[in-house]
PDB file of all heavy atoms in Angstrom:
ATOM      1  N   GLY A   1      22.236   9.409 -82.682  1.00  0.00           N
ATOM      2  CA  GLY A   1      22.490   8.035 -82.430  1.00  0.00           C
ATOM      3  C   GLY A   1      23.582   7.738 -81.435  1.00  0.00           C
ATOM      4  O   GLY A   1      24.527   8.534 -81.342  1.00  0.00           O
ATOM      5  N   SER A   2      23.418   6.703 -80.624  1.00  0.00           N
ATOM      6  CA  SER A   2      24.340   6.480 -79.535  1.00  0.00           C
ATOM      7  C   SER A   2      25.809   6.302 -80.069  1.00  0.00           C
ATOM      8  O   SER A   2      26.745   6.840 -79.384  1.00  0.00           O
ATOM      9  CB  SER A   2      23.986   5.179 -78.832  1.00  0.00           C
ATOM     10  OG  SER A   2      22.713   5.269 -78.217  1.00  0.00           O
ATOM     11  N   VAL A   3      26.023   5.663 -81.143  1.00  0.00           N
ATOM     12  CA  VAL A   3      27.372   5.407 -81.621  1.00  0.00           C
ATOM     13  C   VAL A   3      28.051   6.808 -82.005  1.00  0.00           C
ATOM     14  O   VAL A   3      29.201   7.020 -81.833  1.00  0.00           O
ATOM     15  CB  VAL A   3      27.497   4.501 -82.944  1.00  0.00           C
ATOM     16  CG1 VAL A   3      27.084   3.090 -82.487  1.00  0.00           C
ATOM     17  CG2 VAL A   3      26.603   5.011 -84.025  1.00  0.00           C
ATOM     18  N   PHE A   4      27.210   7.784 -82.472  1.00  0.00           N
ATOM     19  CA  PHE A   4      27.817   9.123 -82.819  1.00  0.00           C
ATOM     20  C   PHE A   4      28.255   9.787 -81.444  1.00  0.00           C
ATOM     21  O   PHE A   4      29.345  10.279 -81.403  1.00  0.00           O
ATOM     22  CB  PHE A   4      26.745   9.931 -83.448  1.00  0.00           C
ATOM     23  CG  PHE A   4      27.129  11.461 -83.588  1.00  0.00           C
ATOM     24  CD1 PHE A   4      28.185  11.753 -84.387  1.00  0.00           C
ATOM     25  CD2 PHE A   4      26.352  12.370 -82.975  1.00  0.00           C
ATOM     26  CE1 PHE A   4      28.569  13.102 -84.540  1.00  0.00           C
ATOM     27  CE2 PHE A   4      26.736  13.720 -83.165  1.00  0.00           C
ATOM     28  CZ  PHE A   4      27.807  14.102 -83.874  1.00  0.00           C
ATOM     29  N   TYR A   5      27.398   9.812 -80.488  1.00  0.00           N
ATOM     30  CA  TYR A   5      27.767  10.480 -79.191  1.00  0.00           C
ATOM     31  C   TYR A   5      28.833   9.722 -78.435  1.00  0.00           C
ATOM     32  O   TYR A   5      29.707  10.378 -77.813  1.00  0.00           O
ATOM     33  CB  TYR A   5      26.489  10.693 -78.340  1.00  0.00           C
ATOM     34  CG  TYR A   5      25.492  11.593 -78.973  1.00  0.00           C
ATOM     35  CD1 TYR A   5      24.306  11.157 -79.418  1.00  0.00           C
ATOM     36  CD2 TYR A   5      25.755  12.900 -79.095  1.00  0.00           C
ATOM     37  CE1 TYR A   5      23.338  12.044 -80.078  1.00  0.00           C
ATOM     38  CE2 TYR A   5      24.944  13.808 -79.729  1.00  0.00           C
ATOM     39  CZ  TYR A   5      23.718  13.322 -80.181  1.00  0.00           C
ATOM     40  OH  TYR A   5      22.851  14.194 -80.795  1.00  0.00           O
ATOM     41  N   GLN A   6      28.826   8.375 -78.539  1.00  0.00           N
ATOM     42  CA  GLN A   6      29.995   7.666 -77.938  1.00  0.00           C
ATOM     43  C   GLN A   6      31.310   7.966 -78.603  1.00  0.00           C
ATOM     44  O   GLN A   6      32.319   8.168 -77.993  1.00  0.00           O
ATOM     45  CB  GLN A   6      29.675   6.162 -77.996  1.00  0.00           C
ATOM     46  CG  GLN A   6      28.584   5.663 -77.150  1.00  0.00           C
ATOM     47  CD  GLN A   6      28.058   4.371 -77.531  1.00  0.00           C
ATOM     48  OE1 GLN A   6      28.483   3.693 -78.426  1.00  0.00           O
ATOM     49  NE2 GLN A   6      26.933   3.916 -76.898  1.00  0.00           N
ATOM     50  N   SER A   7      31.208   8.064 -79.931  1.00  0.00           N
ATOM     51  CA  SER A   7      32.493   8.359 -80.659  1.00  0.00           C
ATOM     52  C   SER A   7      32.958   9.767 -80.300  1.00  0.00           C
ATOM     53  O   SER A   7      34.197   9.997 -80.078  1.00  0.00           O
ATOM     54  CB  SER A   7      32.278   8.399 -82.159  1.00  0.00           C
ATOM     55  OG  SER A   7      33.431   8.701 -82.881  1.00  0.00           O
ATOM     56  N   LYS A   8      32.075  10.776 -80.131  1.00  0.00           N
ATOM     57  CA  LYS A   8      32.451  12.159 -79.686  1.00  0.00           C
ATOM     58  C   LYS A   8      33.081  12.066 -78.370  1.00  0.00           C
ATOM     59  O   LYS A   8      34.121  12.676 -78.068  1.00  0.00           O
ATOM     60  CB  LYS A   8      31.251  12.976 -79.589  1.00  0.00           C
ATOM     61  CG  LYS A   8      30.654  13.487 -80.914  1.00  0.00           C
ATOM     62  CD  LYS A   8      31.572  14.625 -81.422  1.00  0.00           C
ATOM     63  CE  LYS A   8      30.940  15.361 -82.624  1.00  0.00           C
ATOM     64  NZ  LYS A   8      31.788  16.358 -83.168  1.00  0.00           N
ATOM     65  N   ALA A   9      32.506  11.337 -77.436  1.00  0.00           N
ATOM     66  CA  ALA A   9      33.073  11.221 -76.009  1.00  0.00           C
ATOM     67  C   ALA A   9      34.378  10.543 -76.035  1.00  0.00           C
ATOM     68  O   ALA A   9      35.327  10.984 -75.306  1.00  0.00           O
ATOM     69  CB  ALA A   9      32.025  10.511 -75.182  1.00  0.00           C
ATOM     70  N   LEU A  10      34.519   9.443 -76.732  1.00  0.00           N
ATOM     71  CA  LEU A  10      35.827   8.766 -76.784  1.00  0.00           C
ATOM     72  C   LEU A  10      36.906   9.536 -77.353  1.00  0.00           C
ATOM     73  O   LEU A  10      38.067   9.481 -76.985  1.00  0.00           O
ATOM     74  CB  LEU A  10      35.590   7.371 -77.553  1.00  0.00           C
ATOM     75  CG  LEU A  10      34.738   6.366 -76.809  1.00  0.00           C
ATOM     76  CD1 LEU A  10      34.387   5.169 -77.758  1.00  0.00           C
ATOM     77  CD2 LEU A  10      35.375   5.878 -75.584  1.00  0.00           C
ATOM     78  N   HIS A  11      36.541  10.314 -78.452  1.00  0.00           N
ATOM     79  CA  HIS A  11      37.555  11.238 -79.062  1.00  0.00           C
ATOM     80  C   HIS A  11      38.036  12.299 -77.970  1.00  0.00           C
ATOM     81  O   HIS A  11      39.203  12.558 -77.955  1.00  0.00           O
ATOM     82  CB  HIS A  11      36.866  11.914 -80.266  1.00  0.00           C
ATOM     83  CG  HIS A  11      37.721  12.972 -80.865  1.00  0.00           C
ATOM     84  ND1 HIS A  11      38.764  12.616 -81.801  1.00  0.00           N
ATOM     85  CD2 HIS A  11      37.725  14.332 -80.794  1.00  0.00           C
ATOM     86  CE1 HIS A  11      39.353  13.704 -82.137  1.00  0.00           C
ATOM     87  NE2 HIS A  11      38.787  14.751 -81.659  1.00  0.00           N
ATOM     88  N   LEU A  12      37.060  12.839 -77.231  1.00  0.00           N
ATOM     89  CA  LEU A  12      37.427  13.862 -76.284  1.00  0.00           C
ATOM     90  C   LEU A  12      38.368  13.401 -75.252  1.00  0.00           C
ATOM     91  O   LEU A  12      39.176  14.142 -74.651  1.00  0.00           O
ATOM     92  CB  LEU A  12      36.080  14.412 -75.648  1.00  0.00           C
ATOM     93  CG  LEU A  12      35.344  15.390 -76.479  1.00  0.00           C
ATOM     94  CD1 LEU A  12      33.964  15.740 -75.859  1.00  0.00           C
ATOM     95  CD2 LEU A  12      36.105  16.655 -76.757  1.00  0.00           C
ATOM     96  N   ILE A  13      38.265  12.116 -74.855  1.00  0.00           N
ATOM     97  CA  ILE A  13      39.148  11.541 -73.775  1.00  0.00           C
ATOM     98  C   ILE A  13      40.312  10.755 -74.428  1.00  0.00           C
ATOM     99  O   ILE A  13      40.978   9.926 -73.736  1.00  0.00           O
ATOM    100  CB  ILE A  13      38.388  10.786 -72.813  1.00  0.00           C
ATOM    101  CG1 ILE A  13      37.594   9.542 -73.433  1.00  0.00           C
ATOM    102  CG2 ILE A  13      37.370  11.576 -71.946  1.00  0.00           C
ATOM    103  CD1 ILE A  13      36.993   8.579 -72.419  1.00  0.00           C
ATOM    104  N   ASN A  14      40.537  10.952 -75.753  1.00  0.00           N
ATOM    105  CA  ASN A  14      41.747  10.391 -76.409  1.00  0.00           C
ATOM    106  C   ASN A  14      41.799   8.900 -76.368  1.00  0.00           C
ATOM    107  O   ASN A  14      42.797   8.358 -76.110  1.00  0.00           O
ATOM    108  CB  ASN A  14      42.935  10.966 -75.932  1.00  0.00           C
ATOM    109  CG  ASN A  14      43.079  12.518 -76.146  1.00  0.00           C
ATOM    110  OD1 ASN A  14      42.747  12.998 -77.298  1.00  0.00           O
ATOM    111  ND2 ASN A  14      43.372  13.250 -75.140  1.00  0.00           N
ATOM    112  N   THR A  15      40.604   8.228 -76.391  1.00  0.00           N
ATOM    113  CA  THR A  15      40.566   6.723 -76.383  1.00  0.00           C
ATOM    114  C   THR A  15      40.394   6.183 -77.841  1.00  0.00           C
ATOM    115  O   THR A  15      39.442   6.436 -78.492  1.00  0.00           O
ATOM    116  CB  THR A  15      39.273   6.338 -75.606  1.00  0.00           C
ATOM    117  OG1 THR A  15      39.505   6.893 -74.224  1.00  0.00           O
ATOM    118  CG2 THR A  15      39.202   4.860 -75.486  1.00  0.00           C
ATOM    119  N   PRO A  16      41.320   5.353 -78.182  1.00  0.00           N
ATOM    120  CA  PRO A  16      41.291   4.786 -79.514  1.00  0.00           C
ATOM    121  C   PRO A  16      39.967   3.907 -79.739  1.00  0.00           C
ATOM    122  O   PRO A  16      39.658   3.105 -78.857  1.00  0.00           O
ATOM    123  CB  PRO A  16      42.518   3.858 -79.644  1.00  0.00           C
ATOM    124  CG  PRO A  16      43.439   4.419 -78.620  1.00  0.00           C
ATOM    125  CD  PRO A  16      42.531   4.932 -77.437  1.00  0.00           C
ATOM    126  N   HIS A  17      39.366   4.098 -80.718  1.00  0.00           N
ATOM    127  CA  HIS A  17      38.032   3.403 -81.008  1.00  0.00           C
ATOM    128  C   HIS A  17      37.699   3.418 -82.539  1.00  0.00           C
ATOM    129  O   HIS A  17      38.218   4.230 -83.360  1.00  0.00           O
ATOM    130  CB  HIS A  17      36.962   4.085 -80.310  1.00  0.00           C
ATOM    131  CG  HIS A  17      36.579   5.446 -80.846  1.00  0.00           C
ATOM    132  ND1 HIS A  17      37.331   6.579 -80.495  1.00  0.00           N
ATOM    133  CD2 HIS A  17      35.450   5.857 -81.607  1.00  0.00           C
ATOM    134  CE1 HIS A  17      36.728   7.573 -81.069  1.00  0.00           C
ATOM    135  NE2 HIS A  17      35.670   7.201 -81.779  1.00  0.00           N
ATOM    136  N   ASP A  18      36.891   2.431 -82.915  1.00  0.00           N
ATOM    137  CA  ASP A  18      36.372   2.435 -84.229  1.00  0.00           C
ATOM    138  C   ASP A  18      34.836   2.248 -84.125  1.00  0.00           C
ATOM    139  O   ASP A  18      34.272   1.830 -83.061  1.00  0.00           O
ATOM    140  CB  ASP A  18      36.869   1.215 -85.028  1.00  0.00           C
ATOM    141  CG  ASP A  18      38.321   1.275 -85.358  1.00  0.00           C
ATOM    142  OD1 ASP A  18      38.830   2.559 -85.540  1.00  0.00           O
ATOM    143  OD2 ASP A  18      39.090   0.339 -85.466  1.00  0.00           O
ATOM    144  N   VAL A  19      34.064   2.685 -85.164  1.00  0.00           N
ATOM    145  CA  VAL A  19      32.705   2.673 -85.177  1.00  0.00           C
ATOM    146  C   VAL A  19      32.136   1.850 -86.286  1.00  0.00           C
ATOM    147  O   VAL A  19      32.638   1.923 -87.469  1.00  0.00           O
ATOM    148  CB  VAL A  19      32.059   4.100 -85.361  1.00  0.00           C
ATOM    149  CG1 VAL A  19      30.573   4.171 -85.272  1.00  0.00           C
ATOM    150  CG2 VAL A  19      32.731   5.060 -84.321  1.00  0.00           C
ATOM    151  N   VAL A  20      31.204   0.987 -86.027  1.00  0.00           N
ATOM    152  CA  VAL A  20      30.446   0.242 -86.984  1.00  0.00           C
ATOM    153  C   VAL A  20      28.992   0.802 -86.988  1.00  0.00           C
ATOM    154  O   VAL A  20      28.334   0.769 -85.998  1.00  0.00           O
ATOM    155  CB  VAL A  20      30.437  -1.291 -86.861  1.00  0.00           C
ATOM    156  CG1 VAL A  20      29.518  -1.956 -87.855  1.00  0.00           C
ATOM    157  CG2 VAL A  20      31.895  -1.801 -86.849  1.00  0.00           C
ATOM    158  N   LEU A  21      28.592   1.252 -88.165  1.00  0.00           N
ATOM    159  CA  LEU A  21      27.184   1.882 -88.156  1.00  0.00           C
ATOM    160  C   LEU A  21      26.442   1.594 -89.374  1.00  0.00           C
ATOM    161  O   LEU A  21      27.010   1.265 -90.456  1.00  0.00           O
ATOM    162  CB  LEU A  21      27.339   3.425 -87.949  1.00  0.00           C
ATOM    163  CG  LEU A  21      28.162   4.229 -88.899  1.00  0.00           C
ATOM    164  CD1 LEU A  21      27.346   4.514 -90.198  1.00  0.00           C
ATOM    165  CD2 LEU A  21      28.606   5.523 -88.239  1.00  0.00           C
ATOM    166  N   THR A  22      25.116   1.655 -89.288  1.00  0.00           N
ATOM    167  CA  THR A  22      24.181   1.541 -90.423  1.00  0.00           C
ATOM    168  C   THR A  22      23.765   2.935 -90.926  1.00  0.00           C
ATOM    169  O   THR A  22      23.463   3.758 -90.141  1.00  0.00           O
ATOM    170  CB  THR A  22      23.075   0.670 -90.126  1.00  0.00           C
ATOM    171  OG1 THR A  22      22.279   1.141 -88.993  1.00  0.00           O
ATOM    172  CG2 THR A  22      23.384  -0.746 -89.789  1.00  0.00           C
ATOM    173  N   ILE A  23      23.719   3.090 -92.285  1.00  0.00           N
ATOM    174  CA  ILE A  23      23.286   4.353 -92.845  1.00  0.00           C
ATOM    175  C   ILE A  23      22.921   4.100 -94.322  1.00  0.00           C
ATOM    176  O   ILE A  23      23.496   3.300 -94.927  1.00  0.00           O
ATOM    177  CB  ILE A  23      24.483   5.411 -92.677  1.00  0.00           C
ATOM    178  CG1 ILE A  23      24.027   6.818 -93.093  1.00  0.00           C
ATOM    179  CG2 ILE A  23      25.697   4.946 -93.522  1.00  0.00           C
ATOM    180  CD1 ILE A  23      25.096   7.949 -92.805  1.00  0.00           C
ATOM    181  N   ALA A  24      21.968   4.900 -94.861  1.00  0.00           N
ATOM    182  CA  ALA A  24      21.606   4.858 -96.261  1.00  0.00           C
ATOM    183  C   ALA A  24      22.608   5.771 -97.032  1.00  0.00           C
ATOM    184  O   ALA A  24      23.135   6.715 -96.533  1.00  0.00           O
ATOM    185  CB  ALA A  24      20.229   5.319 -96.396  1.00  0.00           C
TER     186      ALA A  24
END
């Protein structure tokens, strides 16, 4: 999912972020 890969990338460049996602 895009939010997963975005979070990975933002973590690697030390950018503060939060994720809102849907999951069962």
